[in-house]
C-alpha atoms as a PDB file:
ATOM      1  CA  MET A   1     -17.316 -82.537-130.381  1.00  0.00           C
ATOM      2  CA  ALA A   2     -19.433 -85.655-130.183  1.00  0.00           C
ATOM      3  CA  GLU A   3     -22.817 -85.262-128.597  1.00  0.00           C
ATOM      4  CA  ASN A   4     -24.092 -88.185-126.555  1.00  0.00           C
ATOM      5  CA  GLY A   5     -27.363 -86.642-125.452  1.00  0.00           C
ATOM      6  CA  GLU A   6     -28.508 -84.332-122.690  1.00  0.00           C
ATOM      7  CA  SER A   7     -30.084 -87.166-120.699  1.00  0.00           C
ATOM      8  CA  GLU A   8     -26.785 -88.897-119.937  1.00  0.00           C
ATOM      9  CA  LYS A   9     -25.352 -88.457-116.491  1.00  0.00           C
ATOM     10  CA  THR A  10     -22.695 -85.767-116.332  1.00  0.00           C
ATOM     11  CA  PRO A  11     -19.496 -86.851-114.570  1.00  0.00           C
ATOM     12  CA  ALA A  12     -18.406 -84.785-111.618  1.00  0.00           C
ATOM     13  CA  ALA A  13     -15.708 -82.269-112.450  1.00  0.00           C
ATOM     14  CA  PRO A  14     -12.416 -82.899-110.692  1.00  0.00           C
ATOM     15  CA  PRO A  15     -10.884 -80.043-108.705  1.00  0.00           C
ATOM     16  CA  SER A  16      -9.078 -77.741-111.139  1.00  0.00           C
ATOM     17  CA  GLY A  17      -8.161 -74.634-109.170  1.00  0.00           C
ATOM     18  CA  ARG A  18      -9.854 -72.589-111.911  1.00  0.00           C
ATOM     19  CA  ALA A  19     -12.624 -70.136-111.182  1.00  0.00           C
ATOM     20  CA  GLU A  20     -15.811 -70.595-113.154  1.00  0.00           C
ATOM     21  CA  GLY A  21     -15.513 -68.501-116.326  1.00  0.00           C
ATOM     22  CA  THR A  22     -11.777 -68.990-116.799  1.00  0.00           C
ATOM     23  CA  PRO A  23     -10.969 -69.578-120.493  1.00  0.00           C
ATOM     24  CA  CYS A  24      -9.752 -73.179-120.375  1.00  0.00           C
ATOM     25  CA  TRP A  25      -9.603 -74.365-124.000  1.00  0.00           C
ATOM     26  CA  VAL A  26      -9.737 -73.123-127.589  1.00  0.00           C
ATOM     27  CA  GLU A  27     -10.713 -75.074-130.659  1.00  0.00           C
ATOM     28  CA  ALA A  28     -10.720 -74.365-134.397  1.00  0.00           C
ATOM     29  CA  GLN A  29     -13.495 -75.722-136.617  1.00  0.00           C
ATOM     30  CA  LEU A  30     -11.821 -76.375-139.986  1.00  0.00           C
ATOM     31  CA  SER A  31     -12.717 -77.975-143.299  1.00  0.00           C
ATOM     32  CA  ASP A  32      -9.126 -79.145-143.829  1.00  0.00           C
ATOM     33  CA  VAL A  33      -7.504 -80.204-140.568  1.00  0.00           C
ATOM     34  CA  GLU A  34      -4.311 -81.314-142.320  1.00  0.00           C
ATOM     35  CA  ALA A  35      -3.850 -77.802-143.736  1.00  0.00           C
ATOM     36  CA  GLY A  36      -4.516 -76.464-140.249  1.00  0.00           C
ATOM     37  CA  ARG A  37      -1.805 -78.702-138.820  1.00  0.00           C
ATOM     38  CA  ARG A  38       0.710 -77.362-141.331  1.00  0.00           C
ATOM     39  CA  PHE A  39      -0.259 -73.733-140.743  1.00  0.00           C
ATOM     40  CA  TYR A  40      -0.340 -73.725-136.939  1.00  0.00           C
ATOM     41  CA  GLY A  41       2.500 -76.193-136.565  1.00  0.00           C
ATOM     42  CA  GLU A  42       4.827 -73.864-138.409  1.00  0.00           C
ATOM     43  CA  LEU A  43       3.421 -70.651-136.940  1.00  0.00           C
ATOM     44  CA  PHE A  44       3.436 -71.667-133.268  1.00  0.00           C
ATOM     45  CA  GLY A  45       5.640 -74.774-133.147  1.00  0.00           C
ATOM     46  CA  TRP A  46       2.745 -77.029-132.228  1.00  0.00           C
ATOM     47  CA  THR A  47       2.826 -80.802-132.523  1.00  0.00           C
ATOM     48  CA  PHE A  48      -0.321 -82.852-133.021  1.00  0.00           C
ATOM     49  CA  GLU A  49      -1.973 -86.016-131.804  1.00  0.00           C
ATOM     50  CA  GLU A  50      -5.089 -87.648-133.240  1.00  0.00           C
ATOM     51  CA  THR A  51      -7.791 -88.262-130.640  1.00  0.00           C
ATOM     52  CA  GLU A  52     -11.234 -89.760-131.031  1.00  0.00           C
ATOM     53  CA  GLU A  53     -12.851 -86.329-130.941  1.00  0.00           C
ATOM     54  CA  SER A  54     -10.291 -83.993-132.552  1.00  0.00           C
ATOM     55  CA  VAL A  55      -6.669 -83.340-133.348  1.00  0.00           C
ATOM     56  CA  ARG A  56      -5.028 -82.083-130.171  1.00  0.00           C
ATOM     57  CA  ALA A  57      -2.244 -79.533-130.492  1.00  0.00           C
ATOM     58  CA  SER A  58       0.565 -79.495-127.940  1.00  0.00           C
ATOM     59  CA  LEU A  59       3.559 -77.325-127.168  1.00  0.00           C
ATOM     60  CA  ASP A  60       6.482 -79.025-125.437  1.00  0.00           C
ATOM     61  CA  GLY A  61       4.231 -81.976-124.728  1.00  0.00           C
ATOM     62  CA  GLU A  62       1.409 -80.006-123.062  1.00  0.00           C
ATOM     63  CA  PRO A  63      -2.041 -79.514-124.672  1.00  0.00           C
ATOM     64  CA  VAL A  64      -2.763 -76.005-125.942  1.00  0.00           C
ATOM     65  CA  ALA A  65      -5.604 -76.204-128.515  1.00  0.00           C
ATOM     66  CA  GLY A  66      -7.805 -78.455-130.625  1.00  0.00           C
ATOM     67  CA  LEU A  67      -8.481 -78.686-134.363  1.00  0.00           C
ATOM     68  CA  VAL A  68     -11.825 -80.219-135.306  1.00  0.00           C
ATOM     69  CA  ARG A  69     -13.093 -81.282-138.717  1.00  0.00           C
ATOM     70  CA  LYS A  70     -16.300 -79.562-139.701  1.00  0.00           C
ATOM     71  CA  THR A  71     -19.050 -82.090-140.311  1.00  0.00           C
ATOM     72  CA  ASP A  72     -21.253 -79.562-142.115  1.00  0.00           C
ATOM     73  CA  GLY A  73     -19.886 -77.160-144.719  1.00  0.00           C
ATOM     74  CA  ARG A  74     -22.420 -74.553-143.616  1.00  0.00           C
ATOM     75  CA  MET A  75     -20.723 -74.290-140.224  1.00  0.00           C
ATOM     76  CA  PRO A  76     -18.430 -71.276-139.823  1.00  0.00           C
ATOM     77  CA  THR A  77     -14.662 -71.663-139.875  1.00  0.00           C
ATOM     78  CA  VAL A  78     -13.819 -70.188-136.493  1.00  0.00           C
ATOM     79  CA  TRP A  79     -11.794 -70.360-133.306  1.00  0.00           C
ATOM     80  CA  ALA A  80     -14.056 -71.002-130.313  1.00  0.00           C
ATOM     81  CA  VAL A  81     -13.252 -70.311-126.669  1.00  0.00           C
ATOM     82  CA  TYR A  82     -14.382 -72.625-123.852  1.00  0.00           C
ATOM     83  CA  PHE A  83     -15.085 -71.327-120.355  1.00  0.00           C
ATOM     84  CA  HIS A  84     -14.484 -73.553-117.355  1.00  0.00           C
ATOM     85  CA  THR A  85     -17.424 -74.588-115.200  1.00  0.00           C
ATOM     86  CA  PRO A  86     -17.829 -77.190-112.443  1.00  0.00           C
ATOM     87  CA  ASP A  87     -21.474 -77.714-113.510  1.00  0.00           C
ATOM     88  CA  ALA A  88     -22.370 -77.194-117.181  1.00  0.00           C
ATOM     89  CA  ARG A  89     -26.071 -77.833-116.684  1.00  0.00           C
ATOM     90  CA  ALA A  90     -26.399 -75.285-113.902  1.00  0.00           C
ATOM     91  CA  LEU A  91     -24.452 -72.709-115.908  1.00  0.00           C
ATOM     92  CA  ALA A  92     -26.639 -73.379-118.973  1.00  0.00           C
ATOM     93  CA  GLY A  93     -29.664 -72.588-116.837  1.00  0.00           C
ATOM     94  CA  ARG A  94     -28.147 -69.287-115.706  1.00  0.00           C
ATOM     95  CA  ILE A  95     -27.301 -68.394-119.304  1.00  0.00           C
ATOM     96  CA  ARG A  96     -30.932 -68.882-120.313  1.00  0.00           C
ATOM     97  CA  ALA A  97     -32.140 -66.910-117.295  1.00  0.00           C
ATOM     98  CA  GLY A  98     -29.814 -64.042-118.236  1.00  0.00           C
ATOM     99  CA  GLY A  99     -31.225 -63.765-121.755  1.00  0.00           C
ATOM    100  CA  GLY A 100     -28.705 -65.948-123.576  1.00  0.00           C
ATOM    101  CA  GLN A 101     -29.338 -69.098-125.583  1.00  0.00           C
ATOM    102  CA  ILE A 102     -28.095 -72.665-125.417  1.00  0.00           C
ATOM    103  CA  VAL A 103     -27.178 -73.655-128.968  1.00  0.00           C
ATOM    104  CA  THR A 104     -26.051 -77.195-128.093  1.00  0.00           C
ATOM    105  CA  PRO A 105     -27.138 -78.528-124.687  1.00  0.00           C
ATOM    106  CA  PRO A 106     -24.582 -80.012-122.283  1.00  0.00           C
ATOM    107  CA  HIS A 107     -23.357 -83.363-123.609  1.00  0.00           C
ATOM    108  CA  LEU A 108     -20.645 -85.847-122.817  1.00  0.00           C
ATOM    109  CA  VAL A 109     -17.481 -85.842-124.921  1.00  0.00           C
ATOM    110  CA  GLY A 110     -16.273 -89.376-124.353  1.00  0.00           C
ATOM    111  CA  ASP A 111     -14.611 -89.545-120.955  1.00  0.00           C
ATOM    112  CA  LEU A 112     -13.022 -86.112-121.424  1.00  0.00           C
ATOM    113  CA  GLY A 113     -15.772 -83.955-119.932  1.00  0.00           C
ATOM    114  CA  THR A 114     -19.027 -82.193-120.696  1.00  0.00           C
ATOM    115  CA  ALA A 115     -19.377 -79.488-123.347  1.00  0.00           C
ATOM    116  CA  ALA A 116     -22.104 -77.065-124.367  1.00  0.00           C
ATOM    117  CA  LEU A 117     -22.410 -74.262-126.895  1.00  0.00           C
ATOM    118  CA  ALA A 118     -24.104 -71.012-125.930  1.00  0.00           C
ATOM    119  CA  ALA A 119     -24.754 -67.502-127.218  1.00  0.00           C
ATOM    120  CA  ASP A 120     -25.039 -64.304-125.213  1.00  0.00           C
ATOM    121  CA  PRO A 121     -27.989 -61.887-125.654  1.00  0.00           C
ATOM    122  CA  GLU A 122     -26.230 -60.186-128.595  1.00  0.00           C
ATOM    123  CA  GLY A 123     -25.490 -63.484-130.321  1.00  0.00           C
ATOM    124  CA  ALA A 124     -21.773 -63.905-129.556  1.00  0.00           C
ATOM    125  CA  VAL A 125     -21.111 -67.654-129.402  1.00  0.00           C
ATOM    126  CA  PHE A 126     -18.976 -69.321-126.741  1.00  0.00           C
ATOM    127  CA  ALA A 127     -18.572 -72.788-125.277  1.00  0.00           C
ATOM    128  CA  LEU A 128     -18.655 -74.332-121.804  1.00  0.00           C
ATOM    129  CA  TRP A 129     -16.350 -77.041-120.514  1.00  0.00           C
ATOM    130  CA  GLN A 130     -16.885 -79.170-117.411  1.00  0.00           C
ATOM    131  CA  PRO A 131     -13.711 -81.245-117.211  1.00  0.00           C
ATOM    132  CA  ALA A 132     -13.346 -84.917-116.447  1.00  0.00           C
ATOM    133  CA  GLY A 133     -10.434 -86.610-118.209  1.00  0.00           C
ATOM    134  CA  HIS A 134      -9.334 -83.467-120.051  1.00  0.00           C
ATOM    135  CA  PRO A 135      -8.838 -80.419-117.800  1.00  0.00           C
ATOM    136  CA  GLY A 136      -8.025 -78.012-120.645  1.00  0.00           C
ATOM    137  CA  PHE A 137      -4.865 -76.029-121.251  1.00  0.00           C
ATOM    138  CA  GLY A 138      -1.621 -77.574-120.106  1.00  0.00           C
ATOM    139  CA  ARG A 139       0.178 -74.340-120.963  1.00  0.00           C
ATOM    140  CA  ARG A 140      -1.061 -70.795-121.518  1.00  0.00           C
ATOM    141  CA  HIS A 141       0.237 -67.223-121.328  1.00  0.00           C
ATOM    142  CA  GLU A 142       3.445 -68.336-123.084  1.00  0.00           C
ATOM    143  CA  PRO A 143       4.532 -67.728-126.682  1.00  0.00           C
ATOM    144  CA  GLY A 144       2.545 -70.033-128.945  1.00  0.00           C
ATOM    145  CA  THR A 145      -0.306 -70.496-126.455  1.00  0.00           C
ATOM    146  CA  PHE A 146      -3.590 -68.854-125.480  1.00  0.00           C
ATOM    147  CA  ALA A 147      -3.173 -65.443-123.883  1.00  0.00           C
ATOM    148  CA  TRP A 148      -6.493 -63.570-124.015  1.00  0.00           C
ATOM    149  CA  ALA A 149     -10.136 -63.742-125.147  1.00  0.00           C
ATOM    150  CA  GLU A 150     -11.717 -60.465-126.218  1.00  0.00           C
ATOM    151  CA  LEU A 151     -15.461 -60.101-126.721  1.00  0.00           C
ATOM    152  CA  TYR A 152     -16.246 -57.500-129.351  1.00  0.00           C
ATOM    153  CA  THR A 153     -19.772 -56.315-128.656  1.00  0.00           C
ATOM    154  CA  ARG A 154     -22.136 -53.462-129.422  1.00  0.00           C
ATOM    155  CA  ASP A 155     -22.969 -52.883-125.750  1.00  0.00           C
ATOM    156  CA  THR A 156     -20.122 -53.328-123.295  1.00  0.00           C
ATOM    157  CA  ASP A 157     -22.273 -52.361-120.294  1.00  0.00           C
ATOM    158  CA  ALA A 158     -24.781 -55.106-121.127  1.00  0.00           C
ATOM    159  CA  ALA A 159     -21.935 -57.569-121.721  1.00  0.00           C
ATOM    160  CA  ASN A 160     -20.356 -56.716-118.370  1.00  0.00           C
ATOM    161  CA  ALA A 161     -23.706 -57.260-116.661  1.00  0.00           C
ATOM    162  CA  PHE A 162     -24.394 -60.584-118.419  1.00  0.00           C
ATOM    163  CA  TYR A 163     -20.950 -62.124-117.946  1.00  0.00           C
ATOM    164  CA  GLY A 164     -20.535 -60.517-114.534  1.00  0.00           C
ATOM    165  CA  ASP A 165     -23.650 -62.360-113.379  1.00  0.00           C
ATOM    166  CA  LEU A 166     -22.327 -65.613-114.847  1.00  0.00           C
ATOM    167  CA  PHE A 167     -18.721 -65.325-113.654  1.00  0.00           C
ATOM    168  CA  PRO A 168     -18.641 -62.750-110.824  1.00  0.00           C
ATOM    169  CA  ASP A 169     -15.576 -64.028-108.980  1.00  0.00           C
ATOM    170  CA  PHE A 170     -13.450 -64.565-112.075  1.00  0.00           C
ATOM    171  CA  LEU A 171     -14.229 -61.178-113.631  1.00  0.00           C
ATOM    172  CA  PHE A 172     -14.826 -58.874-110.685  1.00  0.00           C
ATOM    173  CA  GLY A 173     -13.738 -60.660-107.503  1.00  0.00           C
ATOM    174  CA  PRO A 174     -11.208 -59.031-105.138  1.00  0.00           C
ATOM    175  CA  ASP A 175      -8.347 -61.176-106.519  1.00  0.00           C
ATOM    176  CA  ALA A 176      -9.550 -61.216-110.132  1.00  0.00           C
ATOM    177  CA  GLU A 177      -6.917 -61.244-112.872  1.00  0.00           C
ATOM    178  CA  PRO A 178      -9.119 -62.164-115.829  1.00  0.00           C
ATOM    179  CA  ASP A 179      -7.820 -62.936-119.315  1.00  0.00           C
ATOM    180  CA  PHE A 180     -11.227 -62.154-120.808  1.00  0.00           C
ATOM    181  CA  GLY A 181     -12.088 -58.595-121.887  1.00  0.00           C
ATOM    182  CA  ARG A 182     -14.988 -56.760-123.506  1.00  0.00           C
ATOM    183  CA  ALA A 183     -14.647 -53.970-126.094  1.00  0.00           C
ATOM    184  CA  PRO A 184     -16.900 -52.108-128.557  1.00  0.00           C
ATOM    185  CA  LEU A 185     -16.944 -53.582-132.046  1.00  0.00           C
ATOM    186  CA  SER A 186     -16.299 -50.140-133.493  1.00  0.00           C
ATOM    187  CA  ASP A 187     -12.894 -49.999-131.797  1.00  0.00           C
ATOM    188  CA  VAL A 188     -11.491 -52.475-134.332  1.00  0.00           C
ATOM    189  CA  PHE A 189     -14.139 -53.772-136.738  1.00  0.00           C
ATOM    190  CA  ALA A 190     -16.710 -52.405-139.175  1.00  0.00           C
ATOM    191  CA  ALA A 191     -20.192 -51.736-137.821  1.00  0.00           C
ATOM    192  CA  GLU A 192     -21.718 -54.659-139.740  1.00  0.00           C
ATOM    193  CA  MET A 193     -19.442 -57.214-138.042  1.00  0.00           C
ATOM    194  CA  PRO A 194     -21.532 -59.344-135.632  1.00  0.00           C
ATOM    195  CA  PRO A 195     -20.526 -59.547-131.966  1.00  0.00           C
ATOM    196  CA  HIS A 196     -17.966 -62.296-131.447  1.00  0.00           C
ATOM    197  CA  PHE A 197     -15.111 -63.630-129.337  1.00  0.00           C
ATOM    198  CA  LEU A 198     -11.568 -63.257-130.641  1.00  0.00           C
ATOM    199  CA  VAL A 199      -8.957 -65.727-129.367  1.00  0.00           C
ATOM    200  CA  HIS A 200      -5.469 -64.245-128.833  1.00  0.00           C
ATOM    201  CA  PHE A 201      -2.228 -66.237-128.986  1.00  0.00           C
ATOM    202  CA  LEU A 202       0.933 -64.848-127.444  1.00  0.00           C
ATOM    203  CA  VAL A 203       3.933 -64.179-129.709  1.00  0.00           C
ATOM    204  CA  ARG A 204       7.347 -62.685-129.030  1.00  0.00           C
ATOM    205  CA  ASP A 205       7.225 -60.294-131.997  1.00  0.00           C
ATOM    206  CA  VAL A 206       3.956 -59.338-133.717  1.00  0.00           C
ATOM    207  CA  GLU A 207       5.608 -58.085-136.909  1.00  0.00           C
ATOM    208  CA  ALA A 208       7.654 -61.262-137.317  1.00  0.00           C
ATOM    209  CA  ALA A 209       4.562 -63.382-136.694  1.00  0.00           C
ATOM    210  CA  LEU A 210       2.617 -61.399-139.307  1.00  0.00           C
ATOM    211  CA  GLY A 211       5.326 -62.214-141.826  1.00  0.00           C
ATOM    212  CA  ALA A 212       4.975 -65.905-140.983  1.00  0.00           C
ATOM    213  CA  VAL A 213       1.176 -65.740-141.343  1.00  0.00           C
ATOM    214  CA  ALA A 214       1.503 -64.241-144.833  1.00  0.00           C
ATOM    215  CA  ARG A 215       4.160 -66.769-145.855  1.00  0.00           C
ATOM    216  CA  LEU A 216       1.929 -69.643-144.716  1.00  0.00           C
ATOM    217  CA  GLY A 217      -1.059 -68.437-146.733  1.00  0.00           C
ATOM    218  CA  GLY A 218      -2.950 -66.497-144.066  1.00  0.00           C
ATOM    219  CA  ARG A 219      -4.126 -62.885-144.175  1.00  0.00           C
ATOM    220  CA  VAL A 220      -3.754 -59.801-142.017  1.00  0.00           C
ATOM    221  CA  ARG A 221      -7.236 -58.573-141.152  1.00  0.00           C
ATOM    222  CA  VAL A 222      -6.341 -55.712-138.795  1.00  0.00           C
ATOM    223  CA  PRO A 223      -2.762 -54.357-138.621  1.00  0.00           C
ATOM    224  CA  PRO A 224      -1.060 -54.061-135.204  1.00  0.00           C
ATOM    225  CA  PHE A 225      -2.714 -51.753-132.682  1.00  0.00           C
ATOM    226  CA  GLU A 226      -2.242 -51.015-128.995  1.00  0.00           C
ATOM    227  CA  THR A 227      -4.625 -52.335-126.347  1.00  0.00           C
ATOM    228  CA  SER A 228      -4.708 -52.230-122.569  1.00  0.00           C
ATOM    229  CA  TYR A 229      -3.453 -55.842-122.526  1.00  0.00           C
ATOM    230  CA  GLY A 230      -0.694 -55.602-125.167  1.00  0.00           C
ATOM    231  CA  ARG A 231       0.063 -55.015-128.854  1.00  0.00           C
ATOM    232  CA  SER A 232      -2.351 -56.971-131.018  1.00  0.00           C
ATOM    233  CA  ALA A 233      -3.077 -57.771-134.671  1.00  0.00           C
ATOM    234  CA  VAL A 234      -5.997 -59.693-136.158  1.00  0.00           C
ATOM    235  CA  VAL A 235      -5.209 -62.354-138.760  1.00  0.00           C
ATOM    236  CA  SER A 236      -6.808 -65.399-140.342  1.00  0.00           C
ATOM    237  CA  ASP A 237      -5.419 -68.737-141.416  1.00  0.00           C
ATOM    238  CA  GLY A 238      -5.612 -70.032-144.988  1.00  0.00           C
ATOM    239  CA  GLN A 239      -9.170 -71.280-144.388  1.00  0.00           C
ATOM    240  CA  GLY A 240     -10.507 -68.042-142.950  1.00  0.00           C
ATOM    241  CA  ALA A 241     -10.482 -68.767-139.201  1.00  0.00           C
ATOM    242  CA  SER A 242      -9.678 -65.460-137.513  1.00  0.00           C
ATOM    243  CA  PHE A 243      -7.570 -65.055-134.396  1.00  0.00           C
ATOM    244  CA  ALA A 244      -5.277 -62.456-132.883  1.00  0.00           C
ATOM    245  CA  LEU A 245      -1.539 -62.285-132.254  1.00  0.00           C
ATOM    246  CA  LEU A 246      -0.609 -60.614-128.985  1.00  0.00           C
ATOM    247  CA  GLN A 247       2.769 -59.241-127.929  1.00  0.00           C
ATOM    248  CA  ARG A 248       3.382 -58.221-124.327  1.00  0.00           C
END
């Protein structure tokens, strides 16, 4: 995303009906966006539109994800999750106060909104989104769209405390129905894997989707396993960006 500088005035976020901390957008950083369009278009049925900042993926005409060209080959090829906030600068301050870091300070992304990149105390990277012209997902929790974000961490108690302080109503409020979980790394990954967020996309049939991933040049990283939120498998696209398939 383009960075216009922390000193610019942040536009007020329009009412969204989303609690602060709700996953509101996902974005893949890729070296070859055209290859990404072919892979995800066939896998999920997405269509694509070029924007000034990225390639926006849609399903049935509604935005579901972004594909962004990496400007530096040293950057990781990853799927990033954005958390909704009505005030990115205030949330950045709370992240710092809680022991996290701000990797990229809040900055305007055209007239779409304000973004920032942060890391929690264990180093798991996530993004913030204060919407203006782009509210985020037009569809989610449907096949081919975002369904869940899982934080794999070495200390789930510390993660619950950190994110619970940031997003208390969304995660632990009386009416909370969060689509953001925390789990020990050792449940799924090798001990040397760093803490990270894993974006999950809903599919009707995990096994059939795994076949499509292989046919399109991707890889199965973790075969299907049962979780409290559904049957999941970890895969990567042909460029190495990992994500999960989720069947409910």
